[in-house]
Amino acid sequence: MNKQRIVSSVDIALLAVMLGLDFTYMFCGGTPIKAATSLCFVLIGIVDMIFAVNIGATGKYKYIMPIALAVAMAGDVAINFDFIAGAAVFALGHVIFVVAYFFLNGFKPKDIVYAACVFVPSALVITLVPAFDFGGALLEIVCVVYALIISVMVGKALSDCVSKRSALAIVIVAGSVLFYISDLALLIQQFATLNGAGRLAMRILCLGTYYPAQFLLAFSVFVFAVRSRKTGGAHPAPNVETDKAEIEQNPTDGSL
């Protein structure tokens, strides 16, 4: 329990630093400040991964998530220099997040349905809303492809949360949805016809949801580790298999 309290305290401290830097970057800008802000959620992921390994939590989720977070940090820096390059790095990060989600709960056909429910309206907004000006087909295609990838991430998180309704699933879906909202705000900020106040509002919304999203995704490794400890070291599995395993491990347990 002491280790758990220490790690959670470190996470909270890094969250406080991250939010302070986020606020500074929001109004002052500067790539070094942004990089330092993003480094905080990477450190949270690494600290929580070490904790998960230390208590014997099994499964690849704890290793994959810090990689995705590090790629996201690289995207934060890259996008300040080139939008397409940054979007490509972020897209890679989303792919790695999705891989982590699949390692956690496997693939279910309804994952596709949830992803489609997110992607279709997203693509329609990008392609049909006249307020957007992408300055050519290339950026519009980039945004649609990016929307597809993040929709798979959000759809998978939603599907798992509806199926499992566990603390871990809720943390993951909250982080994924906030990530989506942040990207939507960035899209509006970058390509919609807005006045100065509108762009500032979208910047605040973008950064005000992005870093909390990354914190939740990083913190999910801690939740994963704690849950693994409670279930005897086995990583979370789909509901039916988890229940079966618990019954096999505790045949005299009165629960069904």
C-alpha atoms as a PDB file:
ATOM      1  CA  MET A   1       0.000   0.000   0.000  1.00  0.00           C
ATOM      2  CA  ASN A   2       2.892   2.352   0.705  1.00  0.00           C
ATOM      3  CA  LYS A   3       4.172   1.923  -2.834  1.00  0.00           C
ATOM      4  CA  GLN A   4       0.723   2.614  -4.202  1.00  0.00           C
ATOM      5  CA  ARG A   5       0.445   5.823  -2.178  1.00  0.00           C
ATOM      6  CA  ILE A   6       3.899   6.968  -3.213  1.00  0.00           C
ATOM      7  CA  VAL A   7       3.197   6.391  -6.903  1.00  0.00           C
ATOM      8  CA  SER A   8      -0.203   8.077  -6.743  1.00  0.00           C
ATOM      9  CA  SER A   9       1.404  11.039  -4.962  1.00  0.00           C
ATOM     10  CA  VAL A  10       4.062  11.292  -7.680  1.00  0.00           C
ATOM     11  CA  ASP A  11       1.317  11.175 -10.325  1.00  0.00           C
ATOM     12  CA  ILE A  12      -0.593  13.969  -8.614  1.00  0.00           C
ATOM     13  CA  ALA A  13       2.558  16.082  -8.281  1.00  0.00           C
ATOM     14  CA  LEU A  14       3.380  15.629 -11.972  1.00  0.00           C
ATOM     15  CA  LEU A  15      -0.243  16.430 -12.847  1.00  0.00           C
ATOM     16  CA  ALA A  16      -0.010  19.689 -10.895  1.00  0.00           C
ATOM     17  CA  VAL A  17       3.211  20.647 -12.683  1.00  0.00           C
ATOM     18  CA  MET A  18       1.707  19.680 -16.035  1.00  0.00           C
ATOM     19  CA  LEU A  19      -1.418  21.761 -15.535  1.00  0.00           C
ATOM     20  CA  GLY A  20       0.650  24.754 -14.445  1.00  0.00           C
ATOM     21  CA  LEU A  21       2.819  24.465 -17.550  1.00  0.00           C
ATOM     22  CA  ASP A  22      -0.281  23.899 -19.678  1.00  0.00           C
ATOM     23  CA  PHE A  23      -1.753  27.177 -18.452  1.00  0.00           C
ATOM     24  CA  THR A  24       1.541  28.948 -19.141  1.00  0.00           C
ATOM     25  CA  TYR A  25       1.778  27.534 -22.655  1.00  0.00           C
ATOM     26  CA  MET A  26      -1.866  28.333 -23.312  1.00  0.00           C
ATOM     27  CA  PHE A  27      -1.239  32.077 -23.030  1.00  0.00           C
ATOM     28  CA  CYS A  28       2.515  32.438 -23.550  1.00  0.00           C
ATOM     29  CA  GLY A  29       3.338  29.771 -26.127  1.00  0.00           C
ATOM     30  CA  GLY A  30       6.834  28.439 -26.724  1.00  0.00           C
ATOM     31  CA  THR A  31       7.831  24.991 -27.934  1.00  0.00           C
ATOM     32  CA  PRO A  32      10.175  24.333 -24.951  1.00  0.00           C
ATOM     33  CA  ILE A  33       7.287  24.958 -22.537  1.00  0.00           C
ATOM     34  CA  LYS A  34       5.046  22.655 -24.557  1.00  0.00           C
ATOM     35  CA  ALA A  35       7.702  19.938 -24.603  1.00  0.00           C
ATOM     36  CA  ALA A  36       8.159  20.228 -20.827  1.00  0.00           C
ATOM     37  CA  THR A  37       4.395  20.006 -20.339  1.00  0.00           C
ATOM     38  CA  SER A  38       4.173  16.877 -22.461  1.00  0.00           C
ATOM     39  CA  LEU A  39       7.156  15.341 -20.714  1.00  0.00           C
ATOM     40  CA  CYS A  40       5.064  15.279 -17.530  1.00  0.00           C
ATOM     41  CA  PHE A  41       2.505  12.823 -18.907  1.00  0.00           C
ATOM     42  CA  VAL A  42       5.297  10.668 -20.340  1.00  0.00           C
ATOM     43  CA  LEU A  43       6.915  10.541 -16.898  1.00  0.00           C
ATOM     44  CA  ILE A  44       3.586   9.599 -15.335  1.00  0.00           C
ATOM     45  CA  GLY A  45       3.293   6.720 -17.784  1.00  0.00           C
ATOM     46  CA  ILE A  46       6.834   5.560 -17.054  1.00  0.00           C
ATOM     47  CA  VAL A  47       6.446   5.811 -13.265  1.00  0.00           C
ATOM     48  CA  ASP A  48       3.186   3.860 -13.416  1.00  0.00           C
ATOM     49  CA  MET A  49       4.740   1.248 -15.724  1.00  0.00           C
ATOM     50  CA  ILE A  50       7.578   0.716 -13.231  1.00  0.00           C
ATOM     51  CA  PHE A  51       4.997   0.365 -10.468  1.00  0.00           C
ATOM     52  CA  ALA A  52       3.039  -2.171 -12.534  1.00  0.00           C
ATOM     53  CA  VAL A  53       6.170  -4.220 -13.194  1.00  0.00           C
ATOM     54  CA  ASN A  54       7.216  -3.985  -9.544  1.00  0.00           C
ATOM     55  CA  ILE A  55       3.940  -5.445  -8.252  1.00  0.00           C
ATOM     56  CA  GLY A  56       3.903  -8.164 -10.897  1.00  0.00           C
ATOM     57  CA  ALA A  57       1.089  -6.921 -13.135  1.00  0.00           C
ATOM     58  CA  THR A  58       1.084  -9.061 -16.270  1.00  0.00           C
ATOM     59  CA  GLY A  59       0.142  -8.106 -19.811  1.00  0.00           C
ATOM     60  CA  LYS A  60       1.660  -5.851 -22.451  1.00  0.00           C
ATOM     61  CA  TYR A  61      -0.645  -2.887 -21.786  1.00  0.00           C
ATOM     62  CA  LYS A  62       1.707  -1.420 -19.206  1.00  0.00           C
ATOM     63  CA  TYR A  63       4.564  -1.387 -21.740  1.00  0.00           C
ATOM     64  CA  ILE A  64       2.657  -0.164 -24.788  1.00  0.00           C
ATOM     65  CA  MET A  65       0.993   2.854 -23.193  1.00  0.00           C
ATOM     66  CA  PRO A  66       4.239   4.685 -22.268  1.00  0.00           C
ATOM     67  CA  ILE A  67       5.394   4.201 -25.864  1.00  0.00           C
ATOM     68  CA  ALA A  68       2.173   5.769 -27.149  1.00  0.00           C
ATOM     69  CA  LEU A  69       2.584   8.655 -24.708  1.00  0.00           C
ATOM     70  CA  ALA A  70       6.174   9.255 -25.845  1.00  0.00           C
ATOM     71  CA  VAL A  71       5.052   9.309 -29.486  1.00  0.00           C
ATOM     72  CA  ALA A  72       2.325  11.796 -28.554  1.00  0.00           C
ATOM     73  CA  MET A  73       4.960  14.018 -26.968  1.00  0.00           C
ATOM     74  CA  ALA A  74       6.955  13.847 -30.210  1.00  0.00           C
ATOM     75  CA  GLY A  75       3.790  14.858 -32.050  1.00  0.00           C
ATOM     76  CA  ASP A  76       3.342  17.838 -29.738  1.00  0.00           C
ATOM     77  CA  VAL A  77       6.754  19.127 -30.758  1.00  0.00           C
ATOM     78  CA  ALA A  78       6.508  18.210 -34.448  1.00  0.00           C
ATOM     79  CA  ILE A  79       3.163  19.901 -34.992  1.00  0.00           C
ATOM     80  CA  ASN A  80       4.639  23.225 -33.879  1.00  0.00           C
ATOM     81  CA  PHE A  81       6.940  23.085 -36.903  1.00  0.00           C
ATOM     82  CA  ASP A  82       4.831  21.319 -39.522  1.00  0.00           C
ATOM     83  CA  PHE A  83       1.130  20.474 -39.227  1.00  0.00           C
ATOM     84  CA  ILE A  84       1.176  17.439 -41.531  1.00  0.00           C
ATOM     85  CA  ALA A  85       4.284  15.976 -39.884  1.00  0.00           C
ATOM     86  CA  GLY A  86       2.755  16.499 -36.461  1.00  0.00           C
ATOM     87  CA  ALA A  87      -0.536  14.937 -37.550  1.00  0.00           C
ATOM     88  CA  ALA A  88       1.364  11.919 -38.895  1.00  0.00           C
ATOM     89  CA  VAL A  89       3.201  11.430 -35.597  1.00  0.00           C
ATOM     90  CA  PHE A  90      -0.033  11.802 -33.633  1.00  0.00           C
ATOM     91  CA  ALA A  91      -1.725   9.294 -35.942  1.00  0.00           C
ATOM     92  CA  LEU A  92       1.051   6.823 -35.149  1.00  0.00           C
ATOM     93  CA  GLY A  93       0.488   7.486 -31.475  1.00  0.00           C
ATOM     94  CA  HIS A  94      -3.226   6.742 -31.851  1.00  0.00           C
ATOM     95  CA  VAL A  95      -2.412   3.478 -33.613  1.00  0.00           C
ATOM     96  CA  ILE A  96      -0.222   2.477 -30.665  1.00  0.00           C
ATOM     97  CA  PHE A  97      -2.986   3.433 -28.219  1.00  0.00           C
ATOM     98  CA  VAL A  98      -5.385   1.217 -30.188  1.00  0.00           C
ATOM     99  CA  VAL A  99      -2.891  -1.646 -30.072  1.00  0.00           C
ATOM    100  CA  ALA A 100      -2.721  -1.247 -26.283  1.00  0.00           C
ATOM    101  CA  TYR A 101      -6.526  -1.313 -26.061  1.00  0.00           C
ATOM    102  CA  PHE A 102      -6.663  -4.514 -28.116  1.00  0.00           C
ATOM    103  CA  PHE A 103      -4.019  -6.164 -25.947  1.00  0.00           C
ATOM    104  CA  LEU A 104      -6.144  -5.232 -22.956  1.00  0.00           C
ATOM    105  CA  ASN A 105      -9.557  -6.450 -24.131  1.00  0.00           C
ATOM    106  CA  GLY A 106      -9.164  -8.085 -27.526  1.00  0.00           C
ATOM    107  CA  PHE A 107     -11.197  -7.372 -30.658  1.00  0.00           C
ATOM    108  CA  LYS A 108     -14.981  -7.471 -30.812  1.00  0.00           C
ATOM    109  CA  PRO A 109     -17.067  -6.872 -33.967  1.00  0.00           C
ATOM    110  CA  LYS A 110     -18.990  -4.115 -32.229  1.00  0.00           C
ATOM    111  CA  ASP A 111     -15.718  -2.162 -31.928  1.00  0.00           C
ATOM    112  CA  ILE A 112     -16.142  -1.420 -35.641  1.00  0.00           C
ATOM    113  CA  VAL A 113     -19.675  -0.171 -35.085  1.00  0.00           C
ATOM    114  CA  TYR A 114     -18.614   2.261 -32.380  1.00  0.00           C
ATOM    115  CA  ALA A 115     -15.682   3.471 -34.475  1.00  0.00           C
ATOM    116  CA  ALA A 116     -17.993   4.057 -37.447  1.00  0.00           C
ATOM    117  CA  CYS A 117     -20.421   6.013 -35.257  1.00  0.00           C
ATOM    118  CA  VAL A 118     -17.566   8.364 -34.370  1.00  0.00           C
ATOM    119  CA  PHE A 119     -15.937   8.525 -37.809  1.00  0.00           C
ATOM    120  CA  VAL A 120     -18.934   9.124 -40.079  1.00  0.00           C
ATOM    121  CA  PRO A 121     -20.074  12.388 -38.461  1.00  0.00           C
ATOM    122  CA  SER A 122     -16.448  13.475 -38.091  1.00  0.00           C
ATOM    123  CA  ALA A 123     -15.782  12.972 -41.796  1.00  0.00           C
ATOM    124  CA  LEU A 124     -19.008  14.758 -42.717  1.00  0.00           C
ATOM    125  CA  VAL A 125     -18.039  17.760 -40.607  1.00  0.00           C
ATOM    126  CA  ILE A 126     -14.588  17.938 -42.180  1.00  0.00           C
ATOM    127  CA  THR A 127     -15.787  17.593 -45.765  1.00  0.00           C
ATOM    128  CA  LEU A 128     -19.133  19.391 -45.743  1.00  0.00           C
ATOM    129  CA  VAL A 129     -19.024  22.253 -43.230  1.00  0.00           C
ATOM    130  CA  PRO A 130     -18.350  25.392 -45.300  1.00  0.00           C
ATOM    131  CA  ALA A 131     -16.602  27.188 -42.452  1.00  0.00           C
ATOM    132  CA  PHE A 132     -13.501  25.055 -42.982  1.00  0.00           C
ATOM    133  CA  ASP A 133     -10.841  26.142 -45.434  1.00  0.00           C
ATOM    134  CA  PHE A 134      -8.040  23.599 -45.834  1.00  0.00           C
ATOM    135  CA  GLY A 135      -6.373  25.451 -48.689  1.00  0.00           C
ATOM    136  CA  GLY A 136      -6.411  22.385 -50.897  1.00  0.00           C
ATOM    137  CA  ALA A 137      -7.273  18.696 -51.032  1.00  0.00           C
ATOM    138  CA  LEU A 138      -4.103  17.452 -49.347  1.00  0.00           C
ATOM    139  CA  LEU A 139      -4.798  18.863 -45.894  1.00  0.00           C
ATOM    140  CA  GLU A 140      -8.439  17.856 -46.113  1.00  0.00           C
ATOM    141  CA  ILE A 141      -7.456  14.259 -46.895  1.00  0.00           C
ATOM    142  CA  VAL A 142      -4.913  14.305 -44.049  1.00  0.00           C
ATOM    143  CA  CYS A 143      -7.616  15.428 -41.625  1.00  0.00           C
ATOM    144  CA  VAL A 144     -10.082  12.771 -42.816  1.00  0.00           C
ATOM    145  CA  VAL A 145      -7.486   9.990 -42.471  1.00  0.00           C
ATOM    146  CA  TYR A 146      -6.524  11.295 -39.049  1.00  0.00           C
ATOM    147  CA  ALA A 147     -10.205  11.382 -38.074  1.00  0.00           C
ATOM    148  CA  LEU A 148     -10.506   7.726 -39.086  1.00  0.00           C
ATOM    149  CA  ILE A 149      -7.588   6.702 -36.882  1.00  0.00           C
ATOM    150  CA  ILE A 150      -8.696   8.600 -33.785  1.00  0.00           C
ATOM    151  CA  SER A 151     -12.253   7.364 -34.342  1.00  0.00           C
ATOM    152  CA  VAL A 152     -10.996   3.784 -34.104  1.00  0.00           C
ATOM    153  CA  MET A 153      -9.281   4.694 -30.827  1.00  0.00           C
ATOM    154  CA  VAL A 154     -12.361   6.372 -29.362  1.00  0.00           C
ATOM    155  CA  GLY A 155     -14.713   3.721 -30.721  1.00  0.00           C
ATOM    156  CA  LYS A 156     -12.688   0.920 -29.164  1.00  0.00           C
ATOM    157  CA  ALA A 157     -12.602   2.739 -25.815  1.00  0.00           C
ATOM    158  CA  LEU A 158     -16.377   3.314 -25.926  1.00  0.00           C
ATOM    159  CA  SER A 159     -17.045  -0.297 -26.880  1.00  0.00           C
ATOM    160  CA  ASP A 160     -14.917  -1.605 -24.018  1.00  0.00           C
ATOM    161  CA  CYS A 161     -16.484   0.773 -21.523  1.00  0.00           C
ATOM    162  CA  VAL A 162     -20.016  -0.260 -22.455  1.00  0.00           C
ATOM    163  CA  SER A 163     -19.008  -3.926 -22.146  1.00  0.00           C
ATOM    164  CA  LYS A 164     -16.981  -3.781 -18.945  1.00  0.00           C
ATOM    165  CA  ARG A 165     -17.969  -0.624 -17.016  1.00  0.00           C
ATOM    166  CA  SER A 166     -14.860  -0.972 -14.867  1.00  0.00           C
ATOM    167  CA  ALA A 167     -12.799   1.833 -13.373  1.00  0.00           C
ATOM    168  CA  LEU A 168     -10.052   1.119 -15.901  1.00  0.00           C
ATOM    169  CA  ALA A 169     -12.450   1.237 -18.853  1.00  0.00           C
ATOM    170  CA  ILE A 170     -13.935   4.523 -17.599  1.00  0.00           C
ATOM    171  CA  VAL A 171     -10.508   6.139 -17.237  1.00  0.00           C
ATOM    172  CA  ILE A 172      -9.522   5.013 -20.734  1.00  0.00           C
ATOM    173  CA  VAL A 173     -12.731   6.187 -22.393  1.00  0.00           C
ATOM    174  CA  ALA A 174     -12.590   9.534 -20.582  1.00  0.00           C
ATOM    175  CA  GLY A 175      -9.029  10.093 -21.789  1.00  0.00           C
ATOM    176  CA  SER A 176      -9.887   9.014 -25.333  1.00  0.00           C
ATOM    177  CA  VAL A 177     -12.970  11.225 -25.593  1.00  0.00           C
ATOM    178  CA  LEU A 178     -11.124  14.246 -24.194  1.00  0.00           C
ATOM    179  CA  PHE A 179      -8.363  13.591 -26.739  1.00  0.00           C
ATOM    180  CA  TYR A 180     -10.989  13.641 -29.499  1.00  0.00           C
ATOM    181  CA  ILE A 181     -12.497  16.889 -28.214  1.00  0.00           C
ATOM    182  CA  SER A 182      -9.037  18.444 -28.099  1.00  0.00           C
ATOM    183  CA  ASP A 183      -8.339  17.442 -31.698  1.00  0.00           C
ATOM    184  CA  LEU A 184     -11.716  18.771 -32.820  1.00  0.00           C
ATOM    185  CA  ALA A 185     -10.934  22.107 -31.161  1.00  0.00           C
ATOM    186  CA  LEU A 186      -7.532  22.147 -32.880  1.00  0.00           C
ATOM    187  CA  LEU A 187      -9.175  21.454 -36.236  1.00  0.00           C
ATOM    188  CA  ILE A 188     -11.554  24.384 -35.736  1.00  0.00           C
ATOM    189  CA  GLN A 189      -8.750  26.643 -34.527  1.00  0.00           C
ATOM    190  CA  GLN A 190      -6.532  25.835 -37.490  1.00  0.00           C
ATOM    191  CA  PHE A 191      -8.964  25.700 -40.386  1.00  0.00           C
ATOM    192  CA  ALA A 192     -12.284  27.340 -39.503  1.00  0.00           C
ATOM    193  CA  THR A 193     -13.054  30.980 -40.240  1.00  0.00           C
ATOM    194  CA  LEU A 194     -12.820  32.582 -36.793  1.00  0.00           C
ATOM    195  CA  ASN A 195     -12.056  35.959 -35.297  1.00  0.00           C
ATOM    196  CA  GLY A 196      -9.313  36.434 -32.700  1.00  0.00           C
ATOM    197  CA  ALA A 197     -11.579  35.670 -29.750  1.00  0.00           C
ATOM    198  CA  GLY A 198     -12.863  32.524 -31.430  1.00  0.00           C
ATOM    199  CA  ARG A 199      -9.369  31.230 -32.068  1.00  0.00           C
ATOM    200  CA  LEU A 200      -8.371  31.929 -28.477  1.00  0.00           C
ATOM    201  CA  ALA A 201     -11.461  30.071 -27.223  1.00  0.00           C
ATOM    202  CA  MET A 202     -10.595  27.049 -29.383  1.00  0.00           C
ATOM    203  CA  ARG A 203      -6.976  27.150 -28.210  1.00  0.00           C
ATOM    204  CA  ILE A 204      -8.102  27.138 -24.580  1.00  0.00           C
ATOM    205  CA  LEU A 205     -10.526  24.285 -25.267  1.00  0.00           C
ATOM    206  CA  CYS A 206      -7.853  22.337 -27.150  1.00  0.00           C
ATOM    207  CA  LEU A 207      -5.144  22.625 -24.507  1.00  0.00           C
ATOM    208  CA  GLY A 208      -7.626  22.496 -21.641  1.00  0.00           C
ATOM    209  CA  THR A 209      -8.782  19.035 -22.716  1.00  0.00           C
ATOM    210  CA  TYR A 210      -5.593  17.648 -24.265  1.00  0.00           C
ATOM    211  CA  TYR A 211      -3.381  17.471 -21.196  1.00  0.00           C
ATOM    212  CA  PRO A 212      -6.098  16.096 -18.904  1.00  0.00           C
ATOM    213  CA  ALA A 213      -6.703  13.480 -21.620  1.00  0.00           C
ATOM    214  CA  GLN A 214      -3.060  12.480 -21.651  1.00  0.00           C
ATOM    215  CA  PHE A 215      -2.965  12.368 -17.867  1.00  0.00           C
ATOM    216  CA  LEU A 216      -5.916   9.971 -17.799  1.00  0.00           C
ATOM    217  CA  LEU A 217      -4.349   7.732 -20.435  1.00  0.00           C
ATOM    218  CA  ALA A 218      -1.052   7.707 -18.537  1.00  0.00           C
ATOM    219  CA  PHE A 219      -2.823   7.160 -15.220  1.00  0.00           C
ATOM    220  CA  SER A 220      -4.688   4.209 -16.706  1.00  0.00           C
ATOM    221  CA  VAL A 221      -1.437   2.250 -16.331  1.00  0.00           C
ATOM    222  CA  PHE A 222      -1.654   2.826 -12.567  1.00  0.00           C
ATOM    223  CA  VAL A 223      -5.310   1.743 -12.517  1.00  0.00           C
ATOM    224  CA  PHE A 224      -4.359  -1.301 -14.583  1.00  0.00           C
ATOM    225  CA  ALA A 225      -1.646  -2.198 -12.053  1.00  0.00           C
ATOM    226  CA  VAL A 226      -3.925  -1.797  -9.039  1.00  0.00           C
ATOM    227  CA  ARG A 227      -6.648  -3.864 -10.677  1.00  0.00           C
ATOM    228  CA  SER A 228      -4.106  -6.520 -11.593  1.00  0.00           C
ATOM    229  CA  ARG A 229      -3.015  -6.709  -7.960  1.00  0.00           C
ATOM    230  CA  LYS A 230      -6.626  -7.204  -6.843  1.00  0.00           C
ATOM    231  CA  THR A 231      -7.166  -9.976  -9.397  1.00  0.00           C
ATOM    232  CA  GLY A 232      -4.021 -11.841  -8.427  1.00  0.00           C
ATOM    233  CA  GLY A 233      -1.673 -10.483 -11.086  1.00  0.00           C
ATOM    234  CA  ALA A 234      -3.702 -11.393 -14.159  1.00  0.00           C
ATOM    235  CA  HIS A 235      -4.255  -8.561 -16.573  1.00  0.00           C
ATOM    236  CA  PRO A 236      -7.871  -7.474 -17.207  1.00  0.00           C
ATOM    237  CA  ALA A 237      -9.724  -9.683 -19.681  1.00  0.00           C
ATOM    238  CA  PRO A 238     -13.214  -9.643 -21.187  1.00  0.00           C
ATOM    239  CA  ASN A 239     -15.954 -10.025 -18.601  1.00  0.00           C
ATOM    240  CA  VAL A 240     -16.828 -13.666 -19.213  1.00  0.00           C
ATOM    241  CA  GLU A 241     -13.229 -14.841 -19.073  1.00  0.00           C
ATOM    242  CA  THR A 242     -12.496 -12.731 -15.999  1.00  0.00           C
ATOM    243  CA  ASP A 243     -15.500 -14.168 -14.156  1.00  0.00           C
ATOM    244  CA  LYS A 244     -14.517 -17.710 -15.182  1.00  0.00           C
ATOM    245  CA  ALA A 245     -10.953 -17.197 -13.989  1.00  0.00           C
ATOM    246  CA  GLU A 246     -12.112 -15.789 -10.669  1.00  0.00           C
ATOM    247  CA  ILE A 247     -14.407 -18.784 -10.108  1.00  0.00           C
ATOM    248  CA  GLU A 248     -11.614 -21.229 -10.979  1.00  0.00           C
ATOM    249  CA  GLN A 249      -9.165 -19.468  -8.669  1.00  0.00           C
ATOM    250  CA  ASN A 250     -11.711 -19.223  -5.834  1.00  0.00           C
ATOM    251  CA  PRO A 251     -13.945 -22.300  -6.107  1.00  0.00           C
ATOM    252  CA  THR A 252     -15.207 -21.891  -2.538  1.00  0.00           C
ATOM    253  CA  ASP A 253     -16.060 -18.226  -3.009  1.00  0.00           C
ATOM    254  CA  GLY A 254     -19.751 -17.662  -2.508  1.00  0.00           C
ATOM    255  CA  SER A 255     -20.009 -15.158  -5.377  1.00  0.00           C
ATOM    256  CA  LEU A 256     -21.321 -16.209  -8.792  1.00  0.00           C
END
